[in-house]
Amino acid sequence: MDKRLVAAAFLAVTAAPVMVSPVMAMQAGNAGFEEVKGGKFPAPFIGKWATERAACLDQKGNAALLWDIHAKGVRQADGAGTLVSLARSSANDREYQVVMRYEGGGGASEARQLWRLSINEQQILIANASGASGGNRSLYRCR
């Protein structure tokens, strides 16, 4: 049976959608997510981030680990990502379904991801649902 149909059916009949993996919900479509008008990252996401905390301290030596998130995408040392669409979770106002178009290193790809901002706004967890390689990752806010 198609996993997307199972996840959609579960979301439709349960009173506790938090039991469904956010990535499963994304794969089922936009169930539980509402499109953000204007398609811009919210202010708490914007700024300098790194894939390793230590990279924030030595930004020149660790440029490949740095992400500069702006309202319409991200910039990295070896490429950039453009925000294609953004939808906010109805269950968690710090969780977004993001579709990004990444370009760099001689190639391009589109990825459907779940971005979750921590309560203290110091970490972003990114889960890939489709398209991008590299699996899940964490970003840490640089001061």
C-alpha atoms as a PDB file:
ATOM      1  CA  MET A   1       0.000   0.000   0.000  1.00  0.00           C
ATOM      2  CA  ASP A   2       1.218   3.527  -0.790  1.00  0.00           C
ATOM      3  CA  LYS A   3       2.755   5.144   2.342  1.00  0.00           C
ATOM      4  CA  ARG A   4       1.337   8.523   1.328  1.00  0.00           C
ATOM      5  CA  LEU A   5      -2.203   7.164   1.406  1.00  0.00           C
ATOM      6  CA  VAL A   6      -1.660   5.505   4.791  1.00  0.00           C
ATOM      7  CA  ALA A   7      -0.250   8.718   6.285  1.00  0.00           C
ATOM      8  CA  ALA A   8      -3.086  10.808   4.808  1.00  0.00           C
ATOM      9  CA  ALA A   9      -5.710   8.389   6.119  1.00  0.00           C
ATOM     10  CA  PHE A  10      -4.107   8.394   9.565  1.00  0.00           C
ATOM     11  CA  LEU A  11      -4.084  12.190   9.631  1.00  0.00           C
ATOM     12  CA  ALA A  12      -7.734  12.278   8.598  1.00  0.00           C
ATOM     13  CA  VAL A  13      -9.050   9.921  11.300  1.00  0.00           C
ATOM     14  CA  THR A  14      -6.853  10.534  14.342  1.00  0.00           C
ATOM     15  CA  ALA A  15      -7.218  13.267  16.909  1.00  0.00           C
ATOM     16  CA  ALA A  16      -3.469  13.168  17.577  1.00  0.00           C
ATOM     17  CA  PRO A  17      -1.597  13.927  14.320  1.00  0.00           C
ATOM     18  CA  VAL A  18       1.591  14.508  16.307  1.00  0.00           C
ATOM     19  CA  MET A  19       2.016  10.718  16.316  1.00  0.00           C
ATOM     20  CA  VAL A  20       2.694  10.841  12.574  1.00  0.00           C
ATOM     21  CA  SER A  21       6.285  11.517  11.592  1.00  0.00           C
ATOM     22  CA  PRO A  22       6.526  15.046  10.127  1.00  0.00           C
ATOM     23  CA  VAL A  23       8.403  13.635   7.147  1.00  0.00           C
ATOM     24  CA  MET A  24       5.568  11.100   6.558  1.00  0.00           C
ATOM     25  CA  ALA A  25       3.076  13.969   6.692  1.00  0.00           C
ATOM     26  CA  MET A  26       5.149  15.875   4.126  1.00  0.00           C
ATOM     27  CA  GLN A  27       5.275  12.834   1.863  1.00  0.00           C
ATOM     28  CA  ALA A  28       1.487  12.614   2.096  1.00  0.00           C
ATOM     29  CA  GLY A  29       1.183  16.143   0.736  1.00  0.00           C
ATOM     30  CA  ASN A  30       0.389  19.352   2.551  1.00  0.00           C
ATOM     31  CA  ALA A  31      -1.777  17.757   5.243  1.00  0.00           C
ATOM     32  CA  GLY A  32      -1.299  19.780   8.410  1.00  0.00           C
ATOM     33  CA  PHE A  33       0.591  22.609   6.687  1.00  0.00           C
ATOM     34  CA  GLU A  34      -0.665  26.010   5.541  1.00  0.00           C
ATOM     35  CA  GLU A  35       1.082  27.951   2.773  1.00  0.00           C
ATOM     36  CA  VAL A  36       2.871  31.108   3.921  1.00  0.00           C
ATOM     37  CA  LYS A  37       1.742  34.078   1.838  1.00  0.00           C
ATOM     38  CA  GLY A  38       4.685  35.892   0.294  1.00  0.00           C
ATOM     39  CA  GLY A  39       6.905  32.827   0.760  1.00  0.00           C
ATOM     40  CA  LYS A  40       9.612  34.296   3.017  1.00  0.00           C
ATOM     41  CA  PHE A  41      11.443  32.683   5.914  1.00  0.00           C
ATOM     42  CA  PRO A  42      10.255  34.097   9.253  1.00  0.00           C
ATOM     43  CA  ALA A  43      12.676  36.442  11.053  1.00  0.00           C
ATOM     44  CA  PRO A  44      13.927  33.845  13.611  1.00  0.00           C
ATOM     45  CA  PHE A  45      15.367  31.736  10.751  1.00  0.00           C
ATOM     46  CA  ILE A  46      17.297  34.617   9.166  1.00  0.00           C
ATOM     47  CA  GLY A  47      20.991  35.027   9.954  1.00  0.00           C
ATOM     48  CA  LYS A  48      24.295  33.173  10.023  1.00  0.00           C
ATOM     49  CA  TRP A  49      24.210  29.449  10.823  1.00  0.00           C
ATOM     50  CA  ALA A  50      26.745  26.605  10.745  1.00  0.00           C
ATOM     51  CA  THR A  51      26.553  22.826  10.431  1.00  0.00           C
ATOM     52  CA  GLU A  52      29.034  22.577  13.334  1.00  0.00           C
ATOM     53  CA  ARG A  53      29.096  24.905  16.359  1.00  0.00           C
ATOM     54  CA  ALA A  54      32.875  25.383  16.150  1.00  0.00           C
ATOM     55  CA  ALA A  55      32.563  26.765  12.612  1.00  0.00           C
ATOM     56  CA  CYS A  56      30.932  29.895  14.029  1.00  0.00           C
ATOM     57  CA  LEU A  57      34.157  30.720  15.906  1.00  0.00           C
ATOM     58  CA  ASP A  58      36.481  30.240  12.919  1.00  0.00           C
ATOM     59  CA  GLN A  59      34.349  31.377  10.003  1.00  0.00           C
ATOM     60  CA  LYS A  60      37.247  31.866   7.553  1.00  0.00           C
ATOM     61  CA  GLY A  61      38.667  28.405   8.189  1.00  0.00           C
ATOM     62  CA  ASN A  62      35.239  26.768   8.048  1.00  0.00           C
ATOM     63  CA  ALA A  63      33.475  28.682   5.257  1.00  0.00           C
ATOM     64  CA  ALA A  64      32.132  25.450   3.724  1.00  0.00           C
ATOM     65  CA  LEU A  65      30.167  24.762   6.926  1.00  0.00           C
ATOM     66  CA  LEU A  66      28.432  28.162   7.030  1.00  0.00           C
ATOM     67  CA  TRP A  67      24.925  29.010   5.856  1.00  0.00           C
ATOM     68  CA  ASP A  68      23.627  32.556   5.434  1.00  0.00           C
ATOM     69  CA  ILE A  69      19.838  32.307   5.562  1.00  0.00           C
ATOM     70  CA  HIS A  70      17.927  35.270   4.137  1.00  0.00           C
ATOM     71  CA  ALA A  71      14.213  35.828   3.509  1.00  0.00           C
ATOM     72  CA  LYS A  72      14.145  34.054   0.122  1.00  0.00           C
ATOM     73  CA  GLY A  73      16.822  31.385   0.468  1.00  0.00           C
ATOM     74  CA  VAL A  74      20.309  30.432   1.637  1.00  0.00           C
ATOM     75  CA  ARG A  75      23.881  31.157   0.569  1.00  0.00           C
ATOM     76  CA  GLN A  76      26.761  28.779   1.142  1.00  0.00           C
ATOM     77  CA  ALA A  77      30.428  28.823   0.099  1.00  0.00           C
ATOM     78  CA  ASP A  78      29.825  26.421  -2.783  1.00  0.00           C
ATOM     79  CA  GLY A  79      26.316  27.428  -3.882  1.00  0.00           C
ATOM     80  CA  ALA A  80      22.931  28.788  -2.988  1.00  0.00           C
ATOM     81  CA  GLY A  81      19.381  27.715  -2.397  1.00  0.00           C
ATOM     82  CA  THR A  82      16.266  29.579  -3.506  1.00  0.00           C
ATOM     83  CA  LEU A  83      13.041  29.217  -1.575  1.00  0.00           C
ATOM     84  CA  VAL A  84      10.394  27.781  -3.914  1.00  0.00           C
ATOM     85  CA  SER A  85       7.576  27.361  -1.385  1.00  0.00           C
ATOM     86  CA  LEU A  86       7.009  27.565   2.356  1.00  0.00           C
ATOM     87  CA  ALA A  87       4.160  26.139   4.460  1.00  0.00           C
ATOM     88  CA  ARG A  88       3.769  26.408   8.258  1.00  0.00           C
ATOM     89  CA  SER A  89       2.699  23.453  10.367  1.00  0.00           C
ATOM     90  CA  SER A  90      -0.694  23.837  11.985  1.00  0.00           C
ATOM     91  CA  ALA A  91       0.603  21.798  14.964  1.00  0.00           C
ATOM     92  CA  ASN A  92       3.909  23.658  15.579  1.00  0.00           C
ATOM     93  CA  ASP A  93       4.506  27.297  14.636  1.00  0.00           C
ATOM     94  CA  ARG A  94       8.291  26.672  14.530  1.00  0.00           C
ATOM     95  CA  GLU A  95       7.986  23.918  11.897  1.00  0.00           C
ATOM     96  CA  TYR A  96       7.850  24.544   8.158  1.00  0.00           C
ATOM     97  CA  GLN A  97       7.584  22.455   5.036  1.00  0.00           C
ATOM     98  CA  VAL A  98      10.158  23.961   2.684  1.00  0.00           C
ATOM     99  CA  VAL A  99      10.811  23.364  -1.000  1.00  0.00           C
ATOM    100  CA  MET A 100      14.252  24.646  -2.012  1.00  0.00           C
ATOM    101  CA  ARG A 101      16.075  24.763  -5.325  1.00  0.00           C
ATOM    102  CA  TYR A 102      19.793  24.272  -4.654  1.00  0.00           C
ATOM    103  CA  GLU A 103      22.495  25.209  -7.174  1.00  0.00           C
ATOM    104  CA  GLY A 104      26.222  24.797  -6.860  1.00  0.00           C
ATOM    105  CA  GLY A 105      29.123  22.521  -7.542  1.00  0.00           C
ATOM    106  CA  GLY A 106      28.094  22.327 -11.191  1.00  0.00           C
ATOM    107  CA  GLY A 107      24.609  20.956 -10.521  1.00  0.00           C
ATOM    108  CA  ALA A 108      21.128  21.796  -9.362  1.00  0.00           C
ATOM    109  CA  SER A 109      18.431  19.948  -7.442  1.00  0.00           C
ATOM    110  CA  GLU A 110      15.093  20.593  -5.817  1.00  0.00           C
ATOM    111  CA  ALA A 111      14.459  19.319  -2.297  1.00  0.00           C
ATOM    112  CA  ARG A 112      11.352  19.014  -0.154  1.00  0.00           C
ATOM    113  CA  GLN A 113      12.366  19.438   3.470  1.00  0.00           C
ATOM    114  CA  LEU A 114      11.006  19.922   6.960  1.00  0.00           C
ATOM    115  CA  TRP A 115      12.693  22.784   8.837  1.00  0.00           C
ATOM    116  CA  ARG A 116      12.127  22.889  12.610  1.00  0.00           C
ATOM    117  CA  LEU A 117      13.409  25.789  14.723  1.00  0.00           C
ATOM    118  CA  SER A 118      14.284  24.939  18.333  1.00  0.00           C
ATOM    119  CA  ILE A 119      12.375  26.587  21.175  1.00  0.00           C
ATOM    120  CA  ASN A 120      15.376  28.776  22.059  1.00  0.00           C
ATOM    121  CA  GLU A 121      15.820  29.652  18.339  1.00  0.00           C
ATOM    122  CA  GLN A 122      19.484  28.521  18.387  1.00  0.00           C
ATOM    123  CA  GLN A 123      19.164  25.399  16.214  1.00  0.00           C
ATOM    124  CA  ILE A 124      17.380  24.385  13.021  1.00  0.00           C
ATOM    125  CA  LEU A 125      16.764  20.709  12.314  1.00  0.00           C
ATOM    126  CA  ILE A 126      16.352  19.936   8.609  1.00  0.00           C
ATOM    127  CA  ALA A 127      14.823  16.632   7.483  1.00  0.00           C
ATOM    128  CA  ASN A 128      14.924  15.749   3.796  1.00  0.00           C
ATOM    129  CA  ALA A 129      11.771  14.192   2.404  1.00  0.00           C
ATOM    130  CA  SER A 130      12.846  14.037  -1.233  1.00  0.00           C
ATOM    131  CA  GLY A 131      15.317  15.282  -3.765  1.00  0.00           C
ATOM    132  CA  ALA A 132      18.411  16.230  -1.761  1.00  0.00           C
ATOM    133  CA  SER A 133      21.176  13.927  -0.734  1.00  0.00           C
ATOM    134  CA  GLY A 134      22.962  14.064   2.579  1.00  0.00           C
ATOM    135  CA  GLY A 135      20.139  13.060   4.885  1.00  0.00           C
ATOM    136  CA  ASN A 136      19.113  15.126   7.867  1.00  0.00           C
ATOM    137  CA  ARG A 137      21.179  17.937   9.327  1.00  0.00           C
ATOM    138  CA  SER A 138      21.324  20.449  12.136  1.00  0.00           C
ATOM    139  CA  LEU A 139      22.262  24.106  11.851  1.00  0.00           C
ATOM    140  CA  TYR A 140      23.536  26.127  14.813  1.00  0.00           C
ATOM    141  CA  ARG A 141      23.082  29.903  15.127  1.00  0.00           C
ATOM    142  CA  CYS A 142      26.293  31.922  14.952  1.00  0.00           C
ATOM    143  CA  ARG A 143      26.507  35.051  17.125  1.00  0.00           C
END
